[in-house]
Protein backbone atom coordinates (compact mmCIF):
# COMPACT_ATOMS: atom_id res chain seq x y z
CA UNK A 1 26.79 3.87 0.95
CA UNK A 2 28.06 7.29 0.00
CA UNK A 3 26.90 10.35 -1.86
CA UNK A 4 28.26 8.85 -5.06
CA UNK A 5 26.53 5.51 -4.41
CA UNK A 6 23.22 6.21 -2.63
CA UNK A 7 20.74 3.49 -1.67
CA UNK A 8 17.90 3.34 -4.20
CA UNK A 9 14.61 3.40 -2.27
CA UNK A 10 11.09 2.82 -3.56
CA UNK A 11 8.21 3.88 -1.30
CA UNK A 12 4.77 2.39 -1.98
CA UNK A 13 2.19 4.88 -3.16
CA UNK A 14 -1.24 5.20 -4.72
CA UNK A 15 -0.37 7.82 -7.32
CA UNK A 16 -0.40 10.61 -4.77
CA UNK A 17 2.04 12.01 -2.23
CA UNK A 18 0.22 11.17 0.99
CA UNK A 19 1.28 12.56 4.36
CA UNK A 20 3.06 9.31 5.22
CA UNK A 21 4.82 9.26 1.85
CA UNK A 22 6.20 12.74 2.45
CA UNK A 23 7.00 11.95 6.09
CA UNK A 24 9.25 9.04 5.04
CA UNK A 25 11.47 11.43 3.10
CA UNK A 26 11.48 13.97 5.93
CA UNK A 27 12.81 11.23 8.21
CA UNK A 28 15.41 10.08 5.67
CA UNK A 29 16.57 13.65 5.02
CA UNK A 30 17.16 14.20 8.73
CA UNK A 31 19.11 10.94 9.19
CA UNK A 32 22.84 11.60 9.55
CA UNK A 33 25.15 10.22 6.86
CA UNK A 34 22.30 8.58 4.99
CA UNK A 35 22.29 8.96 1.21
CA UNK A 36 19.43 7.69 -0.90
CA UNK A 37 17.79 8.07 -4.27
CA UNK A 38 14.01 7.95 -4.52
CA UNK A 39 12.89 5.68 -7.38
CA UNK A 40 9.17 6.08 -6.70
CA UNK A 41 7.28 8.73 -8.64
CA UNK A 42 3.65 9.10 -7.55
CA UNK A 43 3.23 12.11 -9.81
CA UNK A 44 3.75 10.04 -12.98
CA UNK A 45 0.45 8.17 -13.18
CA UNK A 46 0.12 7.00 -16.78
CA UNK A 47 -3.19 7.33 -18.60
CA UNK A 48 -4.94 4.23 -19.85
CA UNK A 49 -6.12 2.31 -16.83
CA UNK A 50 -4.82 -0.49 -14.65
CA UNK A 51 -2.23 -2.24 -16.82
CA UNK A 52 -0.24 0.88 -17.84
CA UNK A 53 -0.27 1.95 -14.17
CA UNK A 54 1.05 -1.43 -13.06
CA UNK A 55 3.75 -1.36 -15.73
CA UNK A 56 4.91 2.05 -14.46
CA UNK A 57 4.98 0.75 -10.86
CA UNK A 58 7.08 -2.23 -12.02
CA UNK A 59 9.50 0.13 -13.76
CA UNK A 60 9.86 2.27 -10.64
CA UNK A 61 10.41 -0.76 -8.39
CA UNK A 62 12.95 -2.36 -10.75
CA UNK A 63 15.32 0.55 -10.14
CA UNK A 64 15.17 0.12 -6.33
CA UNK A 65 17.31 -1.84 -3.90
CA UNK A 66 14.66 -1.83 -1.17
CA UNK A 67 10.90 -1.27 -1.04
CA UNK A 68 9.39 0.67 1.86
CA UNK A 69 5.76 -0.32 2.44
CA UNK A 70 3.54 2.25 4.13
CA UNK A 71 1.11 0.72 6.60
CA UNK A 72 -1.40 3.48 5.94
CA UNK A 73 -1.69 2.41 2.30
CA UNK A 74 -3.17 -0.87 3.52
CA UNK A 75 -6.12 1.03 4.94
CA UNK A 76 -6.87 3.10 1.87
CA UNK A 77 -5.56 1.22 -1.20
CA UNK A 78 -5.15 -2.42 -0.22
CA UNK A 79 -5.35 -3.78 -3.79
CA UNK A 80 -2.64 -1.44 -5.04
CA UNK A 81 -0.44 -2.15 -2.01
CA UNK A 82 -0.90 -5.90 -2.51
CA UNK A 83 0.19 -5.61 -6.14
CA UNK A 84 3.31 -3.62 -5.20
CA UNK A 85 4.31 -6.03 -2.43
CA UNK A 86 3.70 -9.11 -4.57
CA UNK A 87 5.81 -7.66 -7.38
CA UNK A 88 8.59 -6.71 -4.95
CA UNK A 89 8.63 -10.27 -3.56
CA UNK A 90 8.62 -11.78 -7.06
CA UNK A 91 11.54 -9.48 -7.95
CA UNK A 92 13.38 -10.54 -4.77
CA UNK A 93 13.46 -7.00 -3.41
CA UNK A 94 13.67 -6.68 0.38
CA UNK A 95 10.58 -5.04 1.85
CA UNK A 96 10.56 -2.80 4.90
CA UNK A 97 7.15 -2.24 6.46
CA UNK A 98 6.42 0.98 8.33
CA UNK A 99 3.70 0.86 10.96
CA UNK A 100 0.81 3.30 11.09
CA UNK A 101 1.80 6.79 12.19
CA UNK A 102 0.62 7.97 15.59
CA UNK A 103 -1.67 5.05 16.41
CA UNK A 104 -1.19 1.78 18.24
CA UNK A 105 -3.08 -0.29 15.71
CA UNK A 106 -1.85 -3.36 13.87
CA UNK A 107 -0.88 -2.93 10.24
CA UNK A 108 -2.76 -4.65 7.42
CA UNK A 109 -2.15 -8.39 7.22
CA UNK A 110 -0.37 -8.13 3.88
CA UNK A 111 2.32 -5.92 5.44
CA UNK A 112 3.07 -8.47 8.14
CA UNK A 113 3.02 -11.34 5.65
CA UNK A 114 5.22 -9.83 2.95
CA UNK A 115 7.68 -7.60 4.81
CA UNK A 116 11.19 -8.71 5.71
CA UNK A 117 11.28 -6.22 8.59
CA UNK A 118 8.78 -3.90 10.28
CA UNK A 119 9.66 -0.59 11.97
CA UNK A 120 7.98 2.19 13.88
CA UNK A 121 8.18 5.82 12.85
CA UNK A 122 11.70 6.47 14.03
CA UNK A 123 14.32 8.26 11.93
CA UNK A 124 17.23 6.15 13.14
CA UNK A 125 15.36 2.85 13.04
CA UNK A 126 14.09 3.56 9.53
CA UNK A 127 17.52 4.48 8.13
CA UNK A 128 19.21 1.53 9.87
CA UNK A 129 16.63 -0.95 8.58
CA UNK A 130 17.00 0.35 5.01
CA UNK A 131 20.81 0.03 5.24
CA UNK A 132 20.49 -3.50 6.63
CA UNK A 133 18.00 -4.71 4.03
CA UNK A 134 19.43 -2.96 0.96
CA UNK A 135 23.18 -3.33 1.53
CA UNK A 136 23.47 -5.78 4.44
CA UNK A 137 25.35 -3.13 6.41
CA UNK A 138 25.90 -3.72 10.08
CA UNK A 139 23.93 -1.01 11.81
CA UNK A 140 24.69 -1.90 15.40
CA UNK A 141 25.38 1.38 17.20
CA UNK A 142 25.43 2.36 20.76
CA UNK A 143 24.40 5.60 22.36
CA UNK A 144 26.85 7.10 24.79
CA UNK A 145 25.50 8.79 27.86
CA UNK A 146 27.86 10.91 29.88
CA UNK A 147 27.25 11.34 33.55
CA UNK A 148 28.81 14.00 35.77
CA UNK A 149 29.54 12.80 39.22
CA UNK A 150 28.74 15.14 42.05
CA UNK A 151 31.70 16.03 44.22
């Protein structure tokens, strides 16, 4: 992954930029050495009902390497989330589930059933999981803690 070859990420949505949708990109922007391209476009809801909307979602997901599924979408738009996850699975796209923000509550059943991995709201964990699922990159890192010994 580099600036010239960013990971293409699709984030589930319900034709609006929810708080969690925006928060995903805030986390990804703050991740060090992480380059991505957003293939989701919640502001491009086509007119004409369900089938044109689903076709646009398919088009957006086809361009992605990994699908990020928002747990909060399961509470508000379960049917739309189910469609997106089913299409991602049928297209053999890896799916990363993101738990609910700020609450210790289980995510919707469809997230647990369809996702290849599930993460908490953590910038490093999110970026590492996307790298692992999209490009099979080894993300094992270790934190170094320096201690000063008292004389």
